[in-house]
Amino acid sequence: MKKVIAIVGSLRKESVNRQLFNNYKDLAKEYFVLEEASIGEIPLYNQDIEQEPSSVTSLALKIAESDGIIFFSPEYNYSIPGVLKNAIDWLSRSKLKPFDGKPAAIIGGSPGNIGTARMQYHLRQVGVFLNLKFINKPEVMVGKVFNKLENGEINDQDTIDIFEKHIKHFAQQINRS
């Protein structure tokens, strides 16, 4: 079975994007294994650090050995959360080039109406430099997310339906690679 790495762009243990990841992972289990790779131990990027931190090397290896990557992320100040951008900056310098040609997707939820649209478009722009192969459709931007989660479970059928559609499309993408 294909293996996909998930990166949650929030360090908060009970973040809504972690809850979305947990729901997605459960729905995807018939199509691929979705494994979270934590970014919480990655130090702030500093080009003066000559040797790549082991947390970066470990994450780069997981991504490089996977069949794809999915980012589950909030939107902070209309853009990519700093902790996620920091991890990407470190990974972009890794000799393993873990993102190069990798099928990728973005999922995000927020309390606002447009979900995480601005963050997703910024992350796609960064993905051009990284040579990530983002799927274009379906986009998954869960707006008014607090109304769609109850005790960590999605209670909105439209959100479940878009997750299922996304899972099938992403599975097709990684099976082509």
Protein backbone atom coordinates (compact mmCIF):
# COMPACT_ATOMS: atom_id res chain seq x y z
CA MET A 1 0.00 0.00 0.00
CA LYS A 2 1.22 3.51 -0.83
CA LYS A 3 2.51 5.66 2.03
CA VAL A 4 1.76 9.37 2.30
CA ILE A 5 3.34 11.76 4.78
CA ALA A 6 1.14 14.35 6.49
CA ILE A 7 2.49 17.56 7.94
CA VAL A 8 0.20 19.44 10.29
CA GLY A 9 1.05 23.14 10.19
CA SER A 10 0.01 23.76 13.78
CA LEU A 11 1.81 22.61 16.91
CA ARG A 12 -1.33 22.78 19.02
CA LYS A 13 -2.30 19.31 20.21
CA GLU A 14 -6.04 19.83 19.68
CA SER A 15 -5.89 22.11 16.64
CA VAL A 16 -8.78 21.86 14.22
CA ASN A 17 -6.33 21.01 11.45
CA ARG A 18 -5.03 18.07 13.48
CA GLN A 19 -8.65 16.99 13.91
CA LEU A 20 -9.17 17.27 10.15
CA PHE A 21 -5.99 15.19 9.64
CA ASN A 22 -7.30 12.50 12.01
CA ASN A 23 -10.63 12.31 10.17
CA TYR A 24 -8.95 12.28 6.76
CA LYS A 25 -6.52 9.56 7.86
CA ASP A 26 -9.40 7.35 8.94
CA LEU A 27 -11.27 7.88 5.67
CA ALA A 28 -8.13 7.28 3.56
CA LYS A 29 -7.05 3.98 5.12
CA GLU A 30 -8.49 1.89 2.27
CA TYR A 31 -6.49 3.88 -0.30
CA PHE A 32 -3.14 4.68 1.33
CA VAL A 33 -1.38 4.83 4.67
CA LEU A 34 -1.25 8.39 6.00
CA GLU A 35 1.50 8.97 8.55
CA GLU A 36 2.10 12.23 10.36
CA ALA A 37 5.63 13.57 10.40
CA SER A 38 6.07 16.11 13.18
CA ILE A 39 7.68 19.50 12.65
CA GLY A 40 7.68 20.41 16.35
CA GLU A 41 11.33 19.60 17.01
CA ILE A 42 12.79 21.52 14.09
CA PRO A 43 14.84 24.52 15.29
CA LEU A 44 14.42 27.97 13.81
CA TYR A 45 16.15 28.17 10.46
CA ASN A 46 19.63 29.65 10.72
CA GLN A 47 22.06 29.41 7.83
CA ASP A 48 24.92 29.70 10.34
CA ILE A 49 24.12 26.17 11.51
CA GLU A 50 26.47 24.18 9.33
CA GLN A 51 25.20 20.68 9.95
CA GLU A 52 21.60 19.84 9.16
CA PRO A 53 19.75 19.11 12.43
CA SER A 54 18.80 15.45 12.89
CA SER A 55 15.10 16.42 13.11
CA VAL A 56 15.36 17.86 9.59
CA THR A 57 17.27 14.88 8.21
CA SER A 58 14.74 12.47 9.70
CA LEU A 59 11.79 14.39 8.23
CA ALA A 60 13.51 14.76 4.84
CA LEU A 61 14.09 11.01 4.73
CA LYS A 62 10.45 10.23 5.59
CA ILE A 63 9.22 12.55 2.86
CA ALA A 64 11.75 11.32 0.29
CA GLU A 65 10.74 7.69 0.92
CA SER A 66 7.00 8.43 0.73
CA ASP A 67 4.69 8.35 -2.25
CA GLY A 68 3.23 11.79 -1.55
CA ILE A 69 2.71 14.54 0.99
CA ILE A 70 -0.38 16.30 2.33
CA PHE A 71 -0.23 19.51 4.33
CA PHE A 72 -3.00 20.07 6.90
CA SER A 73 -2.60 23.66 7.92
CA PRO A 74 -4.29 26.72 9.37
CA GLU A 75 -3.88 30.16 7.92
CA TYR A 76 -2.00 32.69 10.05
CA ASN A 77 -2.19 36.37 9.10
CA TYR A 78 -3.40 35.46 5.59
CA SER A 79 -0.43 33.16 4.97
CA ILE A 80 1.58 30.06 5.88
CA PRO A 81 2.10 29.50 9.63
CA GLY A 82 5.66 30.32 10.68
CA VAL A 83 6.34 26.84 12.05
CA LEU A 84 5.38 25.24 8.71
CA LYS A 85 7.36 27.76 6.66
CA ASN A 86 10.36 27.20 8.94
CA ALA A 87 10.21 23.42 8.35
CA ILE A 88 9.89 23.95 4.60
CA ASP A 89 12.87 26.34 4.60
CA TRP A 90 15.03 23.73 6.33
CA LEU A 91 13.80 20.91 4.07
CA SER A 92 14.41 22.97 0.93
CA ARG A 93 18.12 22.97 1.76
CA SER A 94 18.37 19.25 2.46
CA LYS A 95 20.65 17.28 0.15
CA LEU A 96 17.87 14.68 -0.09
CA LYS A 97 15.63 17.15 -1.99
CA PRO A 98 12.58 15.48 -0.41
CA PHE A 99 9.95 17.57 -2.20
CA ASP A 100 11.35 17.27 -5.73
CA GLY A 101 8.62 15.87 -7.98
CA LYS A 102 6.52 14.67 -5.03
CA PRO A 103 2.72 14.53 -5.44
CA ALA A 104 1.22 16.91 -2.88
CA ALA A 105 -2.03 18.35 -1.60
CA ILE A 106 -3.19 20.96 0.90
CA ILE A 107 -6.13 20.75 3.29
CA GLY A 108 -7.02 23.39 5.81
CA GLY A 109 -9.79 24.59 8.03
CA SER A 110 -10.49 27.88 9.74
CA PRO A 111 -13.39 29.65 11.43
CA GLY A 112 -13.70 32.13 8.53
CA ASN A 113 -15.84 31.72 5.44
CA ILE A 114 -13.06 30.99 2.95
CA GLY A 115 -11.21 28.40 4.98
CA THR A 116 -7.50 28.64 4.33
CA ALA A 117 -7.57 29.88 0.73
CA ARG A 118 -4.87 32.53 1.08
CA MET A 119 -2.47 30.19 2.91
CA GLN A 120 -3.07 27.47 0.35
CA TYR A 121 -2.23 29.76 -2.57
CA HIS A 122 0.92 30.96 -0.80
CA LEU A 123 1.97 27.37 -0.11
CA ARG A 124 1.35 26.47 -3.76
CA GLN A 125 3.61 29.37 -4.76
CA VAL A 126 6.39 28.05 -2.49
CA GLY A 127 5.75 24.60 -3.97
CA VAL A 128 6.73 25.87 -7.42
CA PHE A 129 10.28 26.47 -6.19
CA LEU A 130 10.30 23.10 -4.39
CA ASN A 131 8.98 21.30 -7.50
CA LEU A 132 6.05 19.85 -5.58
CA LYS A 133 3.32 18.44 -7.83
CA PHE A 134 0.18 19.79 -6.16
CA ILE A 135 -3.13 18.39 -7.28
CA ASN A 136 -5.37 21.24 -8.37
CA LYS A 137 -8.79 19.77 -7.70
CA PRO A 138 -10.62 19.27 -5.52
CA GLU A 139 -9.47 22.08 -3.29
CA VAL A 140 -10.26 21.44 0.37
CA MET A 141 -10.75 24.67 2.29
CA VAL A 142 -13.02 23.98 5.25
CA GLY A 143 -14.67 27.25 6.23
CA LYS A 144 -16.61 27.71 9.48
CA VAL A 145 -14.73 24.67 10.75
CA PHE A 146 -15.99 24.96 14.34
CA ASN A 147 -19.50 24.22 13.06
CA LYS A 148 -18.27 21.10 11.27
CA LEU A 149 -16.44 19.36 14.10
CA GLU A 150 -17.91 17.83 17.23
CA ASN A 151 -15.67 16.04 19.74
CA GLY A 152 -12.96 15.81 17.08
CA GLU A 153 -15.24 14.21 14.49
CA ILE A 154 -16.57 15.81 11.32
CA ASN A 155 -20.34 16.19 11.63
CA ASP A 156 -20.89 17.77 8.20
CA GLN A 157 -21.69 15.43 5.30
CA ASP A 158 -20.50 17.91 2.65
CA THR A 159 -17.07 18.00 4.29
CA ILE A 160 -16.94 14.20 4.48
CA ASP A 161 -17.95 14.02 0.81
CA ILE A 162 -15.19 16.43 -0.30
CA PHE A 163 -12.65 14.50 1.80
CA GLU A 164 -13.69 11.24 0.12
CA LYS A 165 -13.50 12.81 -3.34
CA HIS A 166 -10.07 14.26 -2.51
CA ILE A 167 -8.80 10.92 -1.17
CA LYS A 168 -9.79 9.11 -4.38
CA HIS A 169 -8.19 11.76 -6.55
CA PHE A 170 -5.00 11.87 -4.50
CA ALA A 171 -4.79 8.06 -4.55
CA GLN A 172 -4.99 8.16 -8.35
CA GLN A 173 -2.22 10.75 -8.40
CA ILE A 174 0.19 8.77 -6.23
CA ASN A 175 -0.55 5.57 -8.12
CA ARG A 176 0.56 7.29 -11.36
CA SER A 177 3.90 8.34 -9.86
